[in-house]
PDB file of N, CA and C in Angstrom:
ATOM      1  N   UNK A   1      -9.671  -7.364  11.294  1.00  0.00           N
ATOM      2  CA  UNK A   1      -8.634  -6.997  10.353  1.00  0.00           C
ATOM      3  C   UNK A   1      -9.255  -6.691   8.995  1.00  0.00           C
ATOM      4  N   UNK A   2      -8.619  -5.770   8.302  1.00  0.00           N
ATOM      5  CA  UNK A   2      -9.023  -5.391   6.958  1.00  0.00           C
ATOM      6  C   UNK A   2      -7.743  -5.328   6.132  1.00  0.00           C
ATOM      7  N   UNK A   3      -7.738  -5.970   4.982  1.00  0.00           N
ATOM      8  CA  UNK A   3      -6.524  -6.050   4.189  1.00  0.00           C
ATOM      9  C   UNK A   3      -6.797  -5.627   2.760  1.00  0.00           C
ATOM     10  N   UNK A   4      -5.787  -5.026   2.143  1.00  0.00           N
ATOM     11  CA  UNK A   4      -5.906  -4.698   0.731  1.00  0.00           C
ATOM     12  C   UNK A   4      -4.579  -4.945   0.038  1.00  0.00           C
ATOM     13  N   UNK A   5      -4.690  -5.212  -1.253  1.00  0.00           N
ATOM     14  CA  UNK A   5      -3.526  -5.417  -2.102  1.00  0.00           C
ATOM     15  C   UNK A   5      -3.767  -4.637  -3.382  1.00  0.00           C
ATOM     16  N   UNK A   6      -2.842  -3.737  -3.687  1.00  0.00           N
ATOM     17  CA  UNK A   6      -2.928  -2.955  -4.920  1.00  0.00           C
ATOM     18  C   UNK A   6      -1.619  -3.113  -5.682  1.00  0.00           C
ATOM     19  N   UNK A   7      -1.683  -2.835  -6.969  1.00  0.00           N
ATOM     20  CA  UNK A   7      -0.460  -2.866  -7.769  1.00  0.00           C
ATOM     21  C   UNK A   7      -0.302  -1.550  -8.512  1.00  0.00           C
ATOM     22  N   UNK A   8       0.949  -1.244  -8.793  1.00  0.00           N
ATOM     23  CA  UNK A   8       1.314  -0.091  -9.605  1.00  0.00           C
ATOM     24  C   UNK A   8       2.295  -0.565 -10.665  1.00  0.00           C
ATOM     25  N   UNK A   9       2.216   0.037 -11.842  1.00  0.00           N
ATOM     26  CA  UNK A   9       3.207  -0.183 -12.882  1.00  0.00           C
ATOM     27  C   UNK A   9       4.092   1.052 -12.927  1.00  0.00           C
ATOM     28  N   UNK A  10       5.398   0.817 -12.794  1.00  0.00           N
ATOM     29  CA  UNK A  10       6.356   1.917 -12.684  1.00  0.00           C
ATOM     30  C   UNK A  10       7.501   1.662 -13.664  1.00  0.00           C
ATOM     31  N   UNK A  11       7.718   2.602 -14.575  1.00  0.00           N
ATOM     32  CA  UNK A  11       8.817   2.467 -15.529  1.00  0.00           C
ATOM     33  C   UNK A  11      10.153   2.489 -14.792  1.00  0.00           C
ATOM     34  N   UNK A  12      11.147   1.851 -15.390  1.00  0.00           N
ATOM     35  CA  UNK A  12      12.455   1.685 -14.742  1.00  0.00           C
ATOM     36  C   UNK A  12      13.056   3.009 -14.282  1.00  0.00           C
ATOM     37  N   UNK A  13      12.914   4.055 -15.065  1.00  0.00           N
ATOM     38  CA  UNK A  13      13.533   5.331 -14.694  1.00  0.00           C
ATOM     39  C   UNK A  13      12.878   5.974 -13.474  1.00  0.00           C
ATOM     40  N   UNK A  14      11.694   5.506 -13.079  1.00  0.00           N
ATOM     41  CA  UNK A  14      10.996   6.065 -11.913  1.00  0.00           C
ATOM     42  C   UNK A  14      10.967   5.103 -10.723  1.00  0.00           C
ATOM     43  N   UNK A  15      11.571   3.940 -10.896  1.00  0.00           N
ATOM     44  CA  UNK A  15      11.495   2.901  -9.869  1.00  0.00           C
ATOM     45  C   UNK A  15      11.992   3.391  -8.511  1.00  0.00           C
ATOM     46  N   UNK A  16      13.171   3.976  -8.454  1.00  0.00           N
ATOM     47  CA  UNK A  16      13.739   4.402  -7.171  1.00  0.00           C
ATOM     48  C   UNK A  16      12.875   5.458  -6.491  1.00  0.00           C
ATOM     49  N   UNK A  17      12.370   6.418  -7.255  1.00  0.00           N
ATOM     50  CA  UNK A  17      11.524   7.467  -6.670  1.00  0.00           C
ATOM     51  C   UNK A  17      10.232   6.876  -6.126  1.00  0.00           C
ATOM     52  N   UNK A  18       9.643   5.937  -6.862  1.00  0.00           N
ATOM     53  CA  UNK A  18       8.410   5.307  -6.393  1.00  0.00           C
ATOM     54  C   UNK A  18       8.661   4.521  -5.117  1.00  0.00           C
ATOM     55  N   UNK A  19       9.692   3.695  -5.122  1.00  0.00           N
ATOM     56  CA  UNK A  19       9.983   2.868  -3.948  1.00  0.00           C
ATOM     57  C   UNK A  19      10.283   3.741  -2.737  1.00  0.00           C
ATOM     58  N   UNK A  20      11.024   4.811  -2.913  1.00  0.00           N
ATOM     59  CA  UNK A  20      11.308   5.722  -1.800  1.00  0.00           C
ATOM     60  C   UNK A  20      10.019   6.285  -1.225  1.00  0.00           C
ATOM     61  N   UNK A  21       9.116   6.741  -2.085  1.00  0.00           N
ATOM     62  CA  UNK A  21       7.840   7.302  -1.615  1.00  0.00           C
ATOM     63  C   UNK A  21       6.983   6.235  -0.946  1.00  0.00           C
ATOM     64  N   UNK A  22       6.952   5.038  -1.516  1.00  0.00           N
ATOM     65  CA  UNK A  22       6.132   3.961  -0.947  1.00  0.00           C
ATOM     66  C   UNK A  22       6.667   3.518   0.410  1.00  0.00           C
ATOM     67  N   UNK A  23       7.981   3.376   0.527  1.00  0.00           N
ATOM     68  CA  UNK A  23       8.560   2.966   1.808  1.00  0.00           C
ATOM     69  C   UNK A  23       8.360   4.033   2.883  1.00  0.00           C
ATOM     70  N   UNK A  24       8.443   5.292   2.504  1.00  0.00           N
ATOM     71  CA  UNK A  24       8.184   6.380   3.455  1.00  0.00           C
ATOM     72  C   UNK A  24       6.726   6.327   3.923  1.00  0.00           C
ATOM     73  N   UNK A  25       5.810   6.143   2.986  1.00  0.00           N
ATOM     74  CA  UNK A  25       4.394   6.027   3.321  1.00  0.00           C
ATOM     75  C   UNK A  25       4.172   4.854   4.273  1.00  0.00           C
ATOM     76  N   UNK A  26       4.783   3.722   3.961  1.00  0.00           N
ATOM     77  CA  UNK A  26       4.640   2.530   4.800  1.00  0.00           C
ATOM     78  C   UNK A  26       5.177   2.786   6.203  1.00  0.00           C
ATOM     79  N   UNK A  27       6.389   3.290   6.295  1.00  0.00           N
ATOM     80  CA  UNK A  27       7.032   3.530   7.594  1.00  0.00           C
ATOM     81  C   UNK A  27       6.229   4.502   8.443  1.00  0.00           C
ATOM     82  N   UNK A  28       5.869   5.641   7.858  1.00  0.00           N
ATOM     83  CA  UNK A  28       5.169   6.676   8.622  1.00  0.00           C
ATOM     84  C   UNK A  28       3.762   6.243   9.004  1.00  0.00           C
ATOM     85  N   UNK A  29       3.098   5.514   8.130  1.00  0.00           N
ATOM     86  CA  UNK A  29       1.739   5.056   8.428  1.00  0.00           C
ATOM     87  C   UNK A  29       1.733   4.062   9.582  1.00  0.00           C
ATOM     88  N   UNK A  30       2.620   3.082   9.542  1.00  0.00           N
ATOM     89  CA  UNK A  30       2.673   2.084  10.615  1.00  0.00           C
ATOM     90  C   UNK A  30       3.087   2.737  11.936  1.00  0.00           C
ATOM     91  N   UNK A  31       4.005   3.685  11.879  1.00  0.00           N
ATOM     92  CA  UNK A  31       4.502   4.324  13.101  1.00  0.00           C
ATOM     93  C   UNK A  31       3.496   5.283  13.725  1.00  0.00           C
ATOM     94  N   UNK A  32       2.670   5.929  12.905  1.00  0.00           N
ATOM     95  CA  UNK A  32       1.871   7.047  13.411  1.00  0.00           C
ATOM     96  C   UNK A  32       0.362   6.906  13.286  1.00  0.00           C
ATOM     97  N   UNK A  33      -0.113   5.902  12.597  1.00  0.00           N
ATOM     98  CA  UNK A  33      -1.553   5.674  12.476  1.00  0.00           C
ATOM     99  C   UNK A  33      -1.905   4.439  13.300  1.00  0.00           C
ATOM    100  N   UNK A  34      -2.587   4.616  14.424  1.00  0.00           N
ATOM    101  CA  UNK A  34      -2.837   3.488  15.326  1.00  0.00           C
ATOM    102  C   UNK A  34      -3.518   2.287  14.676  1.00  0.00           C
ATOM    103  N   UNK A  35      -4.356   2.482  13.680  1.00  0.00           N
ATOM    104  CA  UNK A  35      -5.073   1.371  13.062  1.00  0.00           C
ATOM    105  C   UNK A  35      -4.344   0.698  11.916  1.00  0.00           C
ATOM    106  N   UNK A  36      -3.168   1.203  11.552  1.00  0.00           N
ATOM    107  CA  UNK A  36      -2.383   0.600  10.478  1.00  0.00           C
ATOM    108  C   UNK A  36      -1.458  -0.441  11.087  1.00  0.00           C
ATOM    109  N   UNK A  37      -1.665  -1.705  10.735  1.00  0.00           N
ATOM    110  CA  UNK A  37      -0.922  -2.818  11.339  1.00  0.00           C
ATOM    111  C   UNK A  37       0.294  -3.255  10.534  1.00  0.00           C
ATOM    112  N   UNK A  38       0.152  -3.300   9.223  1.00  0.00           N
ATOM    113  CA  UNK A  38       1.259  -3.764   8.382  1.00  0.00           C
ATOM    114  C   UNK A  38       1.149  -3.080   7.030  1.00  0.00           C
ATOM    115  N   UNK A  39       2.288  -2.781   6.443  1.00  0.00           N
ATOM    116  CA  UNK A  39       2.315  -2.101   5.153  1.00  0.00           C
ATOM    117  C   UNK A  39       3.592  -2.544   4.455  1.00  0.00           C
ATOM    118  N   UNK A  40       3.448  -3.360   3.430  1.00  0.00           N
ATOM    119  CA  UNK A  40       4.603  -3.924   2.737  1.00  0.00           C
ATOM    120  C   UNK A  40       4.663  -3.438   1.291  1.00  0.00           C
ATOM    121  N   UNK A  41       5.860  -3.139   0.849  1.00  0.00           N
ATOM    122  CA  UNK A  41       6.128  -2.787  -0.537  1.00  0.00           C
ATOM    123  C   UNK A  41       6.826  -4.005  -1.147  1.00  0.00           C
ATOM    124  N   UNK A  42       6.226  -4.573  -2.202  1.00  0.00           N
ATOM    125  CA  UNK A  42       6.675  -5.862  -2.726  1.00  0.00           C
ATOM    126  C   UNK A  42       6.974  -5.740  -4.222  1.00  0.00           C
ATOM    127  N   UNK A  43       8.154  -6.194  -4.617  1.00  0.00           N
ATOM    128  CA  UNK A  43       8.526  -6.242  -6.030  1.00  0.00           C
ATOM    129  C   UNK A  43       7.990  -7.536  -6.631  1.00  0.00           C
ATOM    130  N   UNK A  44       7.356  -7.434  -7.784  1.00  0.00           N
ATOM    131  CA  UNK A  44       6.863  -8.630  -8.470  1.00  0.00           C
ATOM    132  C   UNK A  44       8.045  -9.493  -8.907  1.00  0.00           C
ATOM    133  N   UNK A  45       7.876 -10.781  -8.809  1.00  0.00           N
ATOM    134  CA  UNK A  45       8.954 -11.715  -9.131  1.00  0.00           C
ATOM    135  C   UNK A  45       9.332 -11.689 -10.612  1.00  0.00           C
ATOM    136  N   UNK A  46       8.347 -11.585 -11.501  1.00  0.00           N
ATOM    137  CA  UNK A  46       8.605 -11.749 -12.929  1.00  0.00           C
ATOM    138  C   UNK A  46       8.443 -10.482 -13.760  1.00  0.00           C
ATOM    139  N   UNK A  47       8.199  -9.345 -13.114  1.00  0.00           N
ATOM    140  CA  UNK A  47       7.986  -8.104 -13.851  1.00  0.00           C
ATOM    141  C   UNK A  47       8.619  -6.957 -13.077  1.00  0.00           C
ATOM    142  N   UNK A  48       9.759  -6.447 -13.524  1.00  0.00           N
ATOM    143  CA  UNK A  48      10.456  -5.405 -12.772  1.00  0.00           C
ATOM    144  C   UNK A  48       9.695  -4.083 -12.688  1.00  0.00           C
ATOM    145  N   UNK A  49       8.682  -3.903 -13.528  1.00  0.00           N
ATOM    146  CA  UNK A  49       7.908  -2.665 -13.481  1.00  0.00           C
ATOM    147  C   UNK A  49       6.684  -2.757 -12.571  1.00  0.00           C
ATOM    148  N   UNK A  50       6.416  -3.924 -12.010  1.00  0.00           N
ATOM    149  CA  UNK A  50       5.220  -4.134 -11.201  1.00  0.00           C
ATOM    150  C   UNK A  50       5.580  -4.122  -9.715  1.00  0.00           C
ATOM    151  N   UNK A  51       4.895  -3.265  -8.954  1.00  0.00           N
ATOM    152  CA  UNK A  51       5.115  -3.162  -7.512  1.00  0.00           C
ATOM    153  C   UNK A  51       3.766  -3.285  -6.819  1.00  0.00           C
ATOM    154  N   UNK A  52       3.740  -4.101  -5.772  1.00  0.00           N
ATOM    155  CA  UNK A  52       2.531  -4.310  -4.977  1.00  0.00           C
ATOM    156  C   UNK A  52       2.649  -3.583  -3.639  1.00  0.00           C
ATOM    157  N   UNK A  53       1.523  -3.126  -3.140  1.00  0.00           N
ATOM    158  CA  UNK A  53       1.419  -2.639  -1.767  1.00  0.00           C
ATOM    159  C   UNK A  53       0.428  -3.544  -1.057  1.00  0.00           C
ATOM    160  N   UNK A  54       0.884  -4.195  -0.007  1.00  0.00           N
ATOM    161  CA  UNK A  54       0.050  -5.077   0.809  1.00  0.00           C
ATOM    162  C   UNK A  54      -0.146  -4.379   2.151  1.00  0.00           C
ATOM    163  N   UNK A  55      -1.384  -4.027   2.458  1.00  0.00           N
ATOM    164  CA  UNK A  55      -1.667  -3.215   3.642  1.00  0.00           C
ATOM    165  C   UNK A  55      -2.683  -3.913   4.539  1.00  0.00           C
ATOM    166  N   UNK A  56      -2.447  -3.851   5.849  1.00  0.00           N
ATOM    167  CA  UNK A  56      -3.343  -4.463   6.825  1.00  0.00           C
ATOM    168  C   UNK A  56      -3.713  -3.419   7.867  1.00  0.00           C
ATOM    169  N   UNK A  57      -5.014  -3.301   8.112  1.00  0.00           N
ATOM    170  CA  UNK A  57      -5.560  -2.326   9.063  1.00  0.00           C
ATOM    171  C   UNK A  57      -6.432  -3.041  10.089  1.00  0.00           C
ATOM    172  N   UNK A  58      -6.705  -2.357  11.192  1.00  0.00           N
ATOM    173  CA  UNK A  58      -7.616  -2.917  12.188  1.00  0.00           C
ATOM    174  C   UNK A  58      -8.985  -3.187  11.582  1.00  0.00           C
ATOM    175  N   UNK A  59      -9.452  -2.248  10.752  1.00  0.00           N
ATOM    176  CA  UNK A  59     -10.775  -2.348  10.139  1.00  0.00           C
ATOM    177  C   UNK A  59     -10.839  -1.370   8.971  1.00  0.00           C
ATOM    178  N   UNK A  60     -11.966  -1.356   8.265  1.00  0.00           N
ATOM    179  CA  UNK A  60     -12.125  -0.476   7.108  1.00  0.00           C
ATOM    180  C   UNK A  60     -12.046   0.990   7.509  1.00  0.00           C
ATOM    181  N   UNK A  61     -12.515   1.329   8.703  1.00  0.00           N
ATOM    182  CA  UNK A  61     -12.423   2.715   9.165  1.00  0.00           C
ATOM    183  C   UNK A  61     -10.970   3.161   9.293  1.00  0.00           C
ATOM    184  N   UNK A  62     -10.109   2.291   9.792  1.00  0.00           N
ATOM    185  CA  UNK A  62      -8.685   2.625   9.912  1.00  0.00           C
ATOM    186  C   UNK A  62      -8.066   2.844   8.532  1.00  0.00           C
ATOM    187  N   UNK A  63      -8.506   2.075   7.554  1.00  0.00           N
ATOM    188  CA  UNK A  63      -8.044   2.278   6.183  1.00  0.00           C
ATOM    189  C   UNK A  63      -8.488   3.646   5.675  1.00  0.00           C
ATOM    190  N   UNK A  64      -9.730   4.011   5.964  1.00  0.00           N
ATOM    191  CA  UNK A  64     -10.230   5.325   5.559  1.00  0.00           C
ATOM    192  C   UNK A  64      -9.430   6.450   6.206  1.00  0.00           C
ATOM    193  N   UNK A  65      -9.049   6.266   7.476  1.00  0.00           N
ATOM    194  CA  UNK A  65      -8.219   7.266   8.161  1.00  0.00           C
ATOM    195  C   UNK A  65      -6.883   7.403   7.429  1.00  0.00           C
ATOM    196  N   UNK A  66      -6.298   6.287   7.054  1.00  0.00           N
ATOM    197  CA  UNK A  66      -5.032   6.318   6.315  1.00  0.00           C
ATOM    198  C   UNK A  66      -5.187   7.082   5.000  1.00  0.00           C
ATOM    199  N   UNK A  67      -6.220   6.743   4.232  1.00  0.00           N
ATOM    200  CA  UNK A  67      -6.423   7.373   2.929  1.00  0.00           C
ATOM    201  C   UNK A  67      -6.675   8.876   3.071  1.00  0.00           C
ATOM    202  N   UNK A  68      -7.272   9.293   4.182  1.00  0.00           N
ATOM    203  CA  UNK A  68      -7.512  10.710   4.411  1.00  0.00           C
ATOM    204  C   UNK A  68      -6.374  11.426   5.108  1.00  0.00           C
ATOM    205  N   UNK A  69      -5.300  10.716   5.388  1.00  0.00           N
ATOM    206  CA  UNK A  69      -4.218  11.278   6.185  1.00  0.00           C
ATOM    207  C   UNK A  69      -3.070  11.848   5.367  1.00  0.00           C
ATOM    208  N   UNK A  70      -2.116  12.442   6.065  1.00  0.00           N
ATOM    209  CA  UNK A  70      -1.015  13.139   5.395  1.00  0.00           C
ATOM    210  C   UNK A  70      -0.015  12.218   4.697  1.00  0.00           C
ATOM    211  N   UNK A  71       0.180  11.014   5.193  1.00  0.00           N
ATOM    212  CA  UNK A  71       1.185  10.130   4.589  1.00  0.00           C
ATOM    213  C   UNK A  71       0.708   9.620   3.240  1.00  0.00           C
ATOM    214  N   UNK A  72      -0.573   9.276   3.155  1.00  0.00           N
ATOM    215  CA  UNK A  72      -1.141   8.863   1.878  1.00  0.00           C
ATOM    216  C   UNK A  72      -1.129  10.028   0.894  1.00  0.00           C
ATOM    217  N   UNK A  73      -1.488  11.217   1.361  1.00  0.00           N
ATOM    218  CA  UNK A  73      -1.523  12.392   0.482  1.00  0.00           C
ATOM    219  C   UNK A  73      -0.139  12.681  -0.098  1.00  0.00           C
ATOM    220  N   UNK A  74       0.880  12.603   0.737  1.00  0.00           N
ATOM    221  CA  UNK A  74       2.250  12.835   0.269  1.00  0.00           C
ATOM    222  C   UNK A  74       2.659  11.777  -0.756  1.00  0.00           C
ATOM    223  N   UNK A  75       2.317  10.529  -0.477  1.00  0.00           N
ATOM    224  CA  UNK A  75       2.617   9.435  -1.399  1.00  0.00           C
ATOM    225  C   UNK A  75       1.908   9.649  -2.738  1.00  0.00           C
ATOM    226  N   UNK A  76       0.620   9.948  -2.689  1.00  0.00           N
ATOM    227  CA  UNK A  76      -0.154  10.130  -3.921  1.00  0.00           C
ATOM    228  C   UNK A  76       0.411  11.266  -4.764  1.00  0.00           C
ATOM    229  N   UNK A  77       0.784  12.354  -4.119  1.00  0.00           N
ATOM    230  CA  UNK A  77       1.371  13.484  -4.844  1.00  0.00           C
ATOM    231  C   UNK A  77       2.674  13.076  -5.525  1.00  0.00           C
ATOM    232  N   UNK A  78       3.478  12.287  -4.830  1.00  0.00           N
ATOM    233  CA  UNK A  78       4.778  11.887  -5.375  1.00  0.00           C
ATOM    234  C   UNK A  78       4.656  10.896  -6.526  1.00  0.00           C
ATOM    235  N   UNK A  79       3.710   9.960  -6.455  1.00  0.00           N
ATOM    236  CA  UNK A  79       3.699   8.867  -7.437  1.00  0.00           C
ATOM    237  C   UNK A  79       2.713   9.048  -8.585  1.00  0.00           C
ATOM    238  N   UNK A  80       1.736   9.914  -8.441  1.00  0.00           N
ATOM    239  CA  UNK A  80       0.745  10.074  -9.512  1.00  0.00           C
ATOM    240  C   UNK A  80       1.391  10.388 -10.858  1.00  0.00           C
ATOM    241  N   UNK A  81       2.397  11.265 -10.913  1.00  0.00           N
ATOM    242  CA  UNK A  81       2.987  11.552 -12.226  1.00  0.00           C
ATOM    243  C   UNK A  81       3.924  10.462 -12.766  1.00  0.00           C
ATOM    244  N   UNK A  82       4.310   9.499 -11.935  1.00  0.00           N
ATOM    245  CA  UNK A  82       5.343   8.549 -12.366  1.00  0.00           C
ATOM    246  C   UNK A  82       4.885   7.093 -12.398  1.00  0.00           C
ATOM    247  N   UNK A  83       3.648   6.821 -12.011  1.00  0.00           N
ATOM    248  CA  UNK A  83       3.186   5.432 -11.932  1.00  0.00           C
ATOM    249  C   UNK A  83       1.779   5.301 -12.491  1.00  0.00           C
ATOM    250  N   UNK A  84       1.484   4.120 -12.995  1.00  0.00           N
ATOM    251  CA  UNK A  84       0.121   3.784 -13.396  1.00  0.00           C
ATOM    252  C   UNK A  84      -0.498   2.955 -12.283  1.00  0.00           C
ATOM    253  N   UNK A  85      -1.652   3.376 -11.819  1.00  0.00           N
ATOM    254  CA  UNK A  85      -2.321   2.644 -10.745  1.00  0.00           C
ATOM    255  C   UNK A  85      -2.853   3.603  -9.711  1.00  0.00           C
ATOM    256  N   UNK A  86      -3.407   3.088  -8.676  1.00  0.00           N
ATOM    257  CA  UNK A  86      -3.375   1.689  -8.281  1.00  0.00           C
ATOM    258  C   UNK A  86      -4.441   0.852  -8.992  1.00  0.00           C
ATOM    259  N   UNK A  87      -4.116  -0.407  -9.162  1.00  0.00           N
ATOM    260  CA  UNK A  87      -5.073  -1.414  -9.591  1.00  0.00           C
ATOM    261  C   UNK A  87      -5.440  -2.200  -8.343  1.00  0.00           C
ATOM    262  N   UNK A  88      -6.733  -2.206  -8.021  1.00  0.00           N
ATOM    263  CA  UNK A  88      -7.195  -2.934  -6.832  1.00  0.00           C
ATOM    264  C   UNK A  88      -7.242  -4.413  -7.156  1.00  0.00           C
ATOM    265  N   UNK A  89      -6.430  -5.194  -6.464  1.00  0.00           N
ATOM    266  CA  UNK A  89      -6.393  -6.634  -6.670  1.00  0.00           C
ATOM    267  C   UNK A  89      -7.229  -7.371  -5.641  1.00  0.00           C
ATOM    268  N   UNK A  90      -7.290  -6.806  -4.435  1.00  0.00           N
ATOM    269  CA  UNK A  90      -8.027  -7.469  -3.364  1.00  0.00           C
ATOM    270  C   UNK A  90      -8.234  -6.480  -2.233  1.00  0.00           C
ATOM    271  N   UNK A  91      -9.411  -6.548  -1.640  1.00  0.00           N
ATOM    272  CA  UNK A  91      -9.656  -5.854  -0.378  1.00  0.00           C
ATOM    273  C   UNK A  91     -10.769  -6.578   0.348  1.00  0.00           C
ATOM    274  N   UNK A  92     -10.579  -6.732   1.660  1.00  0.00           N
ATOM    275  CA  UNK A  92     -11.574  -7.442   2.441  1.00  0.00           C
ATOM    276  C   UNK A  92     -11.026  -7.881   3.780  1.00  0.00           C
ATOM    277  N   UNK A  93     -11.775  -8.782   4.391  1.00  0.00           N
ATOM    278  CA  UNK A  93     -11.428  -9.276   5.719  1.00  0.00           C
ATOM    279  C   UNK A  93     -11.021 -10.745   5.632  1.00  0.00           C
ATOM    280  N   UNK A  94      -9.945 -11.122   6.333  1.00  0.00           N
ATOM    281  CA  UNK A  94      -9.568 -12.534   6.360  1.00  0.00           C
ATOM    282  C   UNK A  94     -10.672 -13.380   6.985  1.00  0.00           C
ATOM    283  N   UNK A  95     -10.840 -14.567   6.466  1.00  0.00           N
ATOM    284  CA  UNK A  95     -11.804 -15.513   7.026  1.00  0.00           C
ATOM    285  C   UNK A  95     -11.040 -16.435   7.962  1.00  0.00           C
ATOM    286  N   UNK A  96     -11.395 -16.405   9.220  1.00  0.00           N
ATOM    287  CA  UNK A  96     -10.751 -17.280  10.202  1.00  0.00           C
ATOM    288  C   UNK A  96     -11.435 -18.641  10.159  1.00  0.00           C
ATOM    289  N   UNK A  97     -10.641 -19.670  10.088  1.00  0.00           N
ATOM    290  CA  UNK A  97     -11.197 -21.020  10.091  1.00  0.00           C
ATOM    291  C   UNK A  97     -11.308 -21.489  11.530  1.00  0.00           C
ATOM    292  N   UNK A  98     -12.474 -21.353  12.079  1.00  0.00           N
ATOM    293  CA  UNK A  98     -12.704 -21.706  13.484  1.00  0.00           C
ATOM    294  C   UNK A  98     -12.859 -23.212  13.679  1.00  0.00           C
ATOM    295  N   UNK A  99     -12.836 -23.961  12.573  1.00  0.00           N
ATOM    296  CA  UNK A  99     -12.969 -25.416  12.681  1.00  0.00           C
ATOM    297  C   UNK A  99     -11.666 -26.067  13.127  1.00  0.00           C
ATOM    298  N   UNK A 100     -10.568 -25.363  13.014  1.00  0.00           N
ATOM    299  CA  UNK A 100      -9.258 -25.949  13.359  1.00  0.00           C
ATOM    300  C   UNK A 100      -8.981 -25.832  14.837  1.00  0.00           C
TER     301      UNK A 100
END
């Protein structure tokens, strides 16, 4: 598994357009990209302008396929003029605790 978490800052007047584009990207990526396992759009609890994308892939190669694919391209085109980001908060592989 390969996971990443990014954030975007989106002004209130662009919130609906950003969320629509992000949810479309999430839905289409999970449905049509075999290596995309989970894609969540998350509203920050204490900041209405902050939106997180939590994405899980089979591996880093699957993430690269997503970034090079049509759903990411459509999303990037839609949100670049209306959002600040992405800010990379985390990317990597979960550590399994085999001691348990």
